[in-house]
Amino acid sequence: MAGSSRPRISDIAQKLGVSTATVSRALSGNGYVREALATRIRSVAIEMNYAMPGTAAGQKALIVSSQDAIIDFKRSQFTMYVLEGLRDRAEAQDIRLETHIYQGSRDLAALKTATEDEALIGLLLVSVDEHVLDFVRGLDVPAVLVNGDDPEMCLSSVTPCNRSAAALATRHLVRMGHERIAFLSRPGRRTITRRLEGWRDVLGSGATKALELEVEDWTAEAAAETITRALDAGLAFTGVVAAADILAAGAIQAIQTRGLSVPGDISVIGIDGLPQGQYMSPALTSVRIPMPAVGGLSLDLLVETVKLRTAGVQMPSRRIELACELLHRASAGPAPQG
């Protein structure tokens, strides 16, 4: 956008190949635009840091998160990129972001007090536990789940389409001739369950319980231990879909330590699309999650919810899922013959 420090509606329209009127309707909410296209337009607007109309400039939103999600950088690189997207959108809309870190039930009382601030537009829930989710459901405060979903659909949420992300990775291996494909994850979170479902969707009856490999922690070391145990036990597989890039890194390490080739003997695909993946040896094939867009669109959804409430409009809670992109690199290749 030469000569301009801020993007314009025409810039968004040009990038997407649609009319400026369509972009305007999608961003303002005035007039009909297909939901899929409207979501894509808002996502691109976030990527370009376009200031949405009707924002809550000068007010603040409260990020509510567990201490682990904020402090444990080794396991939470994904969360950091999501928070960067939140921060960039907040700056573009002149909204202050504050953070409430909780550890126990006493912190929930402090959270309730924080929601009484007249300058607060609402809550952004990042990596929260079930008891916090249940607590927030009982508050009369606008709230959006960031990179998560509410099974009761009481709260709106923005998340990557985790099911299709895993399906994309698995299908990529199937198309290259792989049949025995392991799924490497740490169970417990709904987002990871969705990825497991995507793996099962593609493999069908081939998605046996034996190929569901569980790690004890979200670390490369834990992933390497699990893959090593599977190989020691004689489990046969030619591909691995890891529920996170960090687990994929551990899988590659274990396979190579065993004297096997990646991808000659076993192909490995991660899910995250973290920048570090391109520098691994071999470079990691991964499904890129639009992490900054997840954060930015969550703030936009919160602002929109507040705007509708102010106008007296009660809308049902929404779950917005964003498309993911396969990044094919050297760690995935054709299934070995014989």
Protein backbone atom coordinates (compact mmCIF):
# COMPACT_ATOMS: atom_id res chain seq x y z
CA MET A 1 0.00 0.00 0.00
CA ALA A 2 2.35 2.63 -1.27
CA GLY A 3 1.99 6.08 0.22
CA SER A 4 -0.32 4.95 3.03
CA SER A 5 0.50 3.73 6.52
CA ARG A 6 -2.96 2.22 7.02
CA PRO A 7 -4.76 -0.22 4.72
CA ARG A 8 -7.99 0.81 3.00
CA ILE A 9 -11.10 -1.11 2.03
CA SER A 10 -9.92 -0.97 -1.59
CA ASP A 11 -6.68 -2.72 -0.60
CA ILE A 12 -8.62 -5.59 0.99
CA ALA A 13 -10.94 -5.81 -2.02
CA GLN A 14 -8.00 -5.93 -4.42
CA LYS A 15 -6.26 -8.68 -2.47
CA LEU A 16 -9.39 -10.86 -2.43
CA GLY A 17 -10.66 -9.99 -5.90
CA VAL A 18 -14.05 -8.75 -4.67
CA SER A 19 -15.80 -5.39 -4.80
CA THR A 20 -15.24 -2.64 -2.24
CA ALA A 21 -18.99 -2.75 -1.52
CA THR A 22 -18.73 -6.42 -0.56
CA VAL A 23 -15.82 -5.71 1.77
CA SER A 24 -17.68 -2.78 3.32
CA ARG A 25 -20.80 -4.88 3.98
CA ALA A 26 -18.74 -7.71 5.50
CA LEU A 27 -16.82 -5.41 7.85
CA SER A 28 -19.79 -3.30 8.91
CA GLY A 29 -22.31 -6.11 9.19
CA ASN A 30 -24.79 -4.06 7.17
CA GLY A 31 -26.07 -6.07 4.23
CA TYR A 32 -25.76 -9.70 3.20
CA VAL A 33 -22.44 -11.38 2.52
CA ARG A 34 -22.01 -15.16 2.53
CA GLU A 35 -20.68 -16.19 5.94
CA ALA A 36 -17.64 -18.00 4.51
CA LEU A 37 -16.69 -14.97 2.41
CA ALA A 38 -17.38 -12.54 5.27
CA THR A 39 -15.11 -14.56 7.56
CA ARG A 40 -12.39 -14.57 4.90
CA ILE A 41 -12.72 -10.80 4.44
CA ARG A 42 -12.49 -10.18 8.19
CA SER A 43 -9.50 -12.52 8.42
CA VAL A 44 -7.64 -10.66 5.66
CA ALA A 45 -8.57 -7.33 7.27
CA ILE A 46 -6.97 -8.57 10.47
CA GLU A 47 -3.84 -9.71 8.64
CA MET A 48 -3.58 -6.26 7.03
CA ASN A 49 -4.30 -4.55 10.38
CA TYR A 50 -7.35 -2.70 9.08
CA ALA A 51 -9.24 -0.82 11.81
CA MET A 52 -12.78 -2.20 11.87
CA PRO A 53 -15.77 0.17 11.93
CA GLY A 54 -17.68 0.56 15.18
CA THR A 55 -14.79 -0.37 17.45
CA ALA A 56 -14.51 0.26 21.17
CA ALA A 57 -11.64 2.76 21.03
CA GLY A 58 -10.35 3.91 24.40
CA GLN A 59 -11.85 0.97 26.30
CA LYS A 60 -10.23 -2.25 27.43
CA ALA A 61 -10.56 -6.01 27.12
CA LEU A 62 -9.35 -8.49 29.71
CA ILE A 63 -7.33 -11.54 28.66
CA VAL A 64 -8.08 -14.37 31.09
CA SER A 65 -5.55 -17.19 31.07
CA SER A 66 -3.90 -19.86 33.17
CA GLN A 67 -0.40 -19.18 34.44
CA ASP A 68 0.98 -22.11 32.42
CA ALA A 69 -0.29 -20.72 29.13
CA ILE A 70 1.42 -17.37 29.65
CA ILE A 71 4.65 -18.38 31.37
CA ASP A 72 5.57 -21.80 29.95
CA PHE A 73 7.16 -20.62 26.71
CA LYS A 74 8.53 -24.07 25.86
CA ARG A 75 5.03 -25.51 25.53
CA SER A 76 3.16 -22.34 24.57
CA GLN A 77 4.74 -20.92 21.41
CA PHE A 78 1.37 -21.32 19.70
CA THR A 79 -0.31 -19.21 22.39
CA MET A 80 2.32 -16.49 22.02
CA TYR A 81 1.55 -16.06 18.32
CA VAL A 82 -2.19 -15.92 19.08
CA LEU A 83 -1.55 -13.24 21.70
CA GLU A 84 0.51 -11.26 19.20
CA GLY A 85 -2.49 -11.24 16.89
CA LEU A 86 -4.65 -9.98 19.74
CA ARG A 87 -2.17 -7.25 20.57
CA ASP A 88 -1.87 -6.05 16.98
CA ARG A 89 -5.65 -5.85 16.56
CA ALA A 90 -6.02 -4.04 19.88
CA GLU A 91 -3.44 -1.45 18.85
CA ALA A 92 -5.17 -0.93 15.50
CA GLN A 93 -8.51 -0.33 17.27
CA ASP A 94 -7.08 1.65 20.21
CA ILE A 95 -8.30 -0.94 22.72
CA ARG A 96 -6.26 -1.56 25.85
CA LEU A 97 -5.49 -5.16 26.75
CA GLU A 98 -5.03 -6.22 30.35
CA THR A 99 -4.30 -9.70 31.64
CA HIS A 100 -5.82 -11.70 34.49
CA ILE A 101 -3.74 -14.76 35.39
CA TYR A 102 -5.54 -17.26 37.60
CA GLN A 103 -4.28 -20.13 39.72
CA GLY A 104 -7.10 -20.99 42.10
CA SER A 105 -10.65 -20.24 43.22
CA ARG A 106 -9.60 -16.99 44.94
CA ASP A 107 -8.51 -15.65 41.57
CA LEU A 108 -12.05 -16.18 40.27
CA ALA A 109 -13.38 -13.79 42.90
CA ALA A 110 -10.82 -11.26 41.71
CA LEU A 111 -11.93 -11.89 38.14
CA LYS A 112 -15.54 -11.12 39.04
CA THR A 113 -14.41 -7.85 40.62
CA ALA A 114 -12.44 -6.99 37.48
CA THR A 115 -15.56 -7.39 35.33
CA GLU A 116 -17.24 -4.56 37.23
CA ASP A 117 -14.90 -2.00 35.63
CA GLU A 118 -17.05 0.32 33.48
CA ALA A 119 -14.26 0.63 30.90
CA LEU A 120 -14.25 -3.15 30.31
CA ILE A 121 -15.88 -4.33 27.10
CA GLY A 122 -15.47 -8.03 27.85
CA LEU A 123 -13.28 -11.10 28.34
CA LEU A 124 -10.96 -13.02 26.02
CA LEU A 125 -10.45 -16.54 27.38
CA VAL A 126 -7.10 -18.13 26.45
CA SER A 127 -6.30 -21.72 27.51
CA VAL A 128 -8.76 -21.72 30.40
CA ASP A 129 -9.73 -24.70 32.52
CA GLU A 130 -13.23 -26.15 32.68
CA HIS A 131 -14.03 -24.57 36.07
CA VAL A 132 -13.11 -21.13 34.72
CA LEU A 133 -15.23 -21.71 31.64
CA ASP A 134 -18.16 -22.67 33.86
CA PHE A 135 -17.60 -19.59 36.04
CA VAL A 136 -17.58 -17.21 33.07
CA ARG A 137 -20.79 -18.76 31.70
CA GLY A 138 -22.50 -17.45 34.82
CA LEU A 139 -21.28 -13.86 34.37
CA ASP A 140 -23.34 -11.32 32.47
CA VAL A 141 -20.27 -10.15 30.58
CA PRO A 142 -19.43 -10.51 26.88
CA ALA A 143 -16.76 -13.19 26.46
CA VAL A 144 -15.04 -15.00 23.61
CA LEU A 145 -13.07 -18.23 23.79
CA VAL A 146 -9.77 -17.84 21.94
CA ASN A 147 -8.50 -21.02 20.27
CA GLY A 148 -11.05 -23.16 22.06
CA ASP A 149 -14.73 -24.02 22.03
CA ASP A 150 -17.56 -24.21 24.51
CA PRO A 151 -19.28 -27.62 24.27
CA GLU A 152 -22.47 -26.03 25.64
CA MET A 153 -22.25 -23.16 23.10
CA CYS A 154 -22.98 -20.59 25.80
CA LEU A 155 -19.92 -18.59 24.75
CA SER A 156 -18.77 -17.60 21.29
CA SER A 157 -15.38 -18.83 20.13
CA VAL A 158 -12.75 -18.50 17.42
CA THR A 159 -10.58 -21.47 16.59
CA PRO A 160 -8.75 -23.06 13.69
CA CYS A 161 -10.65 -25.94 12.15
CA ASN A 162 -8.64 -28.53 14.04
CA ARG A 163 -10.53 -31.47 12.59
CA SER A 164 -9.87 -30.44 8.99
CA ALA A 165 -6.24 -29.56 9.85
CA ALA A 166 -5.50 -33.13 10.93
CA ALA A 167 -7.51 -34.50 8.02
CA LEU A 168 -5.43 -32.36 5.65
CA ALA A 169 -2.19 -33.79 7.05
CA THR A 170 -3.43 -37.38 7.03
CA ARG A 171 -4.87 -37.13 3.52
CA HIS A 172 -1.55 -35.76 2.27
CA LEU A 173 0.18 -38.94 3.46
CA VAL A 174 -2.56 -41.19 2.09
CA ARG A 175 -2.18 -39.62 -1.34
CA MET A 176 1.52 -40.50 -1.22
CA GLY A 177 0.68 -44.15 -0.63
CA HIS A 178 0.82 -44.38 3.17
CA GLU A 179 -1.64 -46.68 4.93
CA ARG A 180 -0.21 -47.21 8.42
CA ILE A 181 -0.22 -43.67 9.81
CA ALA A 182 0.22 -43.03 13.54
CA PHE A 183 -1.34 -40.09 15.38
CA LEU A 184 0.93 -38.57 18.07
CA SER A 185 -0.67 -36.38 20.74
CA ARG A 186 -1.33 -35.67 24.37
CA PRO A 187 -5.07 -36.19 25.01
CA GLY A 188 -7.14 -33.95 27.25
CA ARG A 189 -7.97 -30.78 25.33
CA ARG A 190 -11.00 -30.54 23.07
CA THR A 191 -8.88 -28.97 20.33
CA ILE A 192 -6.68 -32.08 20.30
CA THR A 193 -9.72 -34.36 20.28
CA ARG A 194 -10.87 -32.55 17.13
CA ARG A 195 -7.49 -33.30 15.51
CA LEU A 196 -7.78 -36.95 16.48
CA GLU A 197 -11.22 -37.01 14.84
CA GLY A 198 -9.76 -35.57 11.63
CA TRP A 199 -7.16 -38.35 11.52
CA ARG A 200 -9.91 -40.92 12.04
CA ASP A 201 -12.11 -39.34 9.36
CA VAL A 202 -9.49 -39.99 6.69
CA LEU A 203 -8.22 -43.41 7.77
CA GLY A 204 -11.59 -44.91 8.68
CA SER A 205 -11.07 -48.52 9.76
CA GLY A 206 -7.31 -47.99 9.39
CA ALA A 207 -7.33 -45.66 12.41
CA THR A 208 -6.70 -48.40 14.94
CA LYS A 209 -6.20 -47.79 18.65
CA ALA A 210 -2.64 -49.13 18.40
CA LEU A 211 -1.74 -46.23 16.10
CA GLU A 212 -2.92 -43.62 18.63
CA LEU A 213 0.37 -42.77 20.33
CA GLU A 214 0.13 -40.71 23.52
CA VAL A 215 2.86 -38.51 24.99
CA GLU A 216 3.19 -37.51 28.64
CA ASP A 217 3.92 -33.85 27.91
CA TRP A 218 3.99 -31.32 25.09
CA THR A 219 7.75 -31.60 24.56
CA ALA A 220 10.05 -33.02 21.90
CA GLU A 221 11.63 -35.26 24.55
CA ALA A 222 8.28 -36.81 25.48
CA ALA A 223 7.45 -37.36 21.81
CA ALA A 224 10.81 -39.01 21.18
CA GLU A 225 10.25 -41.38 24.11
CA THR A 226 6.81 -42.39 22.81
CA ILE A 227 8.04 -43.03 19.27
CA THR A 228 11.02 -45.00 20.58
CA ARG A 229 8.72 -47.23 22.67
CA ALA A 230 6.46 -47.80 19.66
CA LEU A 231 9.40 -48.82 17.47
CA ASP A 232 10.81 -51.05 20.23
CA ALA A 233 7.42 -52.77 20.48
CA GLY A 234 7.49 -53.54 16.76
CA LEU A 235 4.60 -51.26 15.82
CA ALA A 236 4.59 -50.87 12.05
CA PHE A 237 3.87 -47.44 10.56
CA THR A 238 5.24 -45.42 7.65
CA GLY A 239 3.79 -42.04 8.59
CA VAL A 240 3.23 -39.90 11.68
CA VAL A 241 0.75 -37.06 12.06
CA ALA A 242 1.79 -35.13 15.17
CA ALA A 243 -0.78 -32.93 16.91
CA ALA A 244 1.86 -30.18 17.29
CA ASP A 245 5.11 -29.21 15.60
CA ILE A 246 7.08 -29.74 18.82
CA LEU A 247 5.90 -33.37 18.90
CA ALA A 248 6.83 -33.79 15.24
CA ALA A 249 10.35 -32.59 16.07
CA GLY A 250 10.65 -35.26 18.77
CA ALA A 251 9.33 -37.93 16.42
CA ILE A 252 11.94 -37.07 13.79
CA GLN A 253 14.68 -37.17 16.42
CA ALA A 254 13.63 -40.63 17.61
CA ILE A 255 13.33 -42.04 14.09
CA GLN A 256 16.74 -40.74 13.06
CA THR A 257 18.36 -41.94 16.30
CA ARG A 258 17.03 -45.39 15.43
CA GLY A 259 19.00 -45.22 12.17
CA LEU A 260 15.90 -44.79 10.03
CA SER A 261 15.35 -42.15 7.38
CA VAL A 262 12.82 -39.31 7.39
CA PRO A 263 11.03 -39.45 5.01
CA GLY A 264 12.62 -42.52 3.36
CA ASP A 265 11.36 -44.94 6.02
CA ILE A 266 8.83 -42.84 7.96
CA SER A 267 7.24 -39.53 6.97
CA VAL A 268 6.36 -36.97 9.65
CA ILE A 269 3.87 -34.09 9.52
CA GLY A 270 3.22 -31.56 12.30
CA ILE A 271 0.29 -29.25 12.98
CA ASP A 272 1.02 -25.60 13.87
CA GLY A 273 3.20 -24.27 11.06
CA LEU A 274 5.65 -22.60 13.44
CA PRO A 275 8.47 -20.74 11.63
CA GLN A 276 11.15 -22.96 13.18
CA GLY A 277 9.89 -25.95 11.19
CA GLN A 278 11.49 -24.80 7.96
CA TYR A 279 14.94 -24.94 9.61
CA MET A 280 14.67 -28.51 10.88
CA SER A 281 16.55 -31.33 9.16
CA PRO A 282 14.67 -32.41 7.18
CA ALA A 283 12.46 -29.33 6.91
CA LEU A 284 9.14 -30.08 8.58
CA THR A 285 5.98 -30.58 6.58
CA SER A 286 3.23 -29.01 8.67
CA VAL A 287 -0.31 -27.69 8.61
CA ARG A 288 -0.13 -23.97 9.27
CA ILE A 289 -2.66 -22.64 11.76
CA PRO A 290 -3.55 -18.95 11.20
CA MET A 291 -2.50 -18.08 14.76
CA PRO A 292 -2.47 -14.25 14.58
CA ALA A 293 -5.83 -14.30 12.79
CA VAL A 294 -7.30 -16.47 15.57
CA GLY A 295 -6.30 -13.80 18.08
CA GLY A 296 -7.33 -10.80 16.01
CA LEU A 297 -10.67 -12.21 14.93
CA SER A 298 -11.46 -13.09 18.56
CA LEU A 299 -11.15 -9.42 19.51
CA ASP A 300 -13.28 -8.39 16.53
CA LEU A 301 -15.96 -10.89 17.57
CA LEU A 302 -15.92 -9.51 21.11
CA VAL A 303 -16.28 -5.94 19.82
CA GLU A 304 -19.13 -6.99 17.53
CA THR A 305 -20.89 -8.75 20.43
CA VAL A 306 -20.63 -5.61 22.56
CA LYS A 307 -21.94 -3.45 19.71
CA LEU A 308 -24.97 -5.71 19.23
CA ARG A 309 -25.68 -5.80 22.96
CA THR A 310 -25.55 -2.01 23.11
CA ALA A 311 -28.09 -1.91 20.28
CA GLY A 312 -30.34 -4.32 22.19
CA VAL A 313 -29.74 -7.20 19.76
CA GLN A 314 -29.31 -10.63 21.34
CA MET A 315 -27.47 -12.97 18.96
CA PRO A 316 -26.88 -16.70 19.54
CA SER A 317 -23.34 -17.68 20.42
CA ARG A 318 -21.16 -18.48 17.42
CA ARG A 319 -18.26 -20.80 16.77
CA ILE A 320 -15.98 -19.43 14.04
CA GLU A 321 -13.51 -21.91 12.55
CA LEU A 322 -10.64 -20.78 10.33
CA ALA A 323 -9.15 -22.74 7.45
CA CYS A 324 -5.59 -24.08 7.70
CA GLU A 325 -2.91 -24.54 5.05
CA LEU A 326 -0.63 -27.48 4.27
CA LEU A 327 3.07 -26.59 4.02
CA HIS A 328 4.76 -29.41 2.13
CA ARG A 329 8.44 -29.74 2.93
CA ALA A 330 11.07 -32.47 3.05
CA SER A 331 9.87 -34.49 6.08
CA ALA A 332 7.01 -36.10 4.13
CA GLY A 333 7.44 -38.27 1.05
CA PRO A 334 6.10 -41.34 -0.73
CA ALA A 335 5.50 -44.50 1.28
CA PRO A 336 8.44 -46.92 1.15
CA GLN A 337 8.02 -49.82 -1.27
CA GLY A 338 8.09 -53.40 -0.05
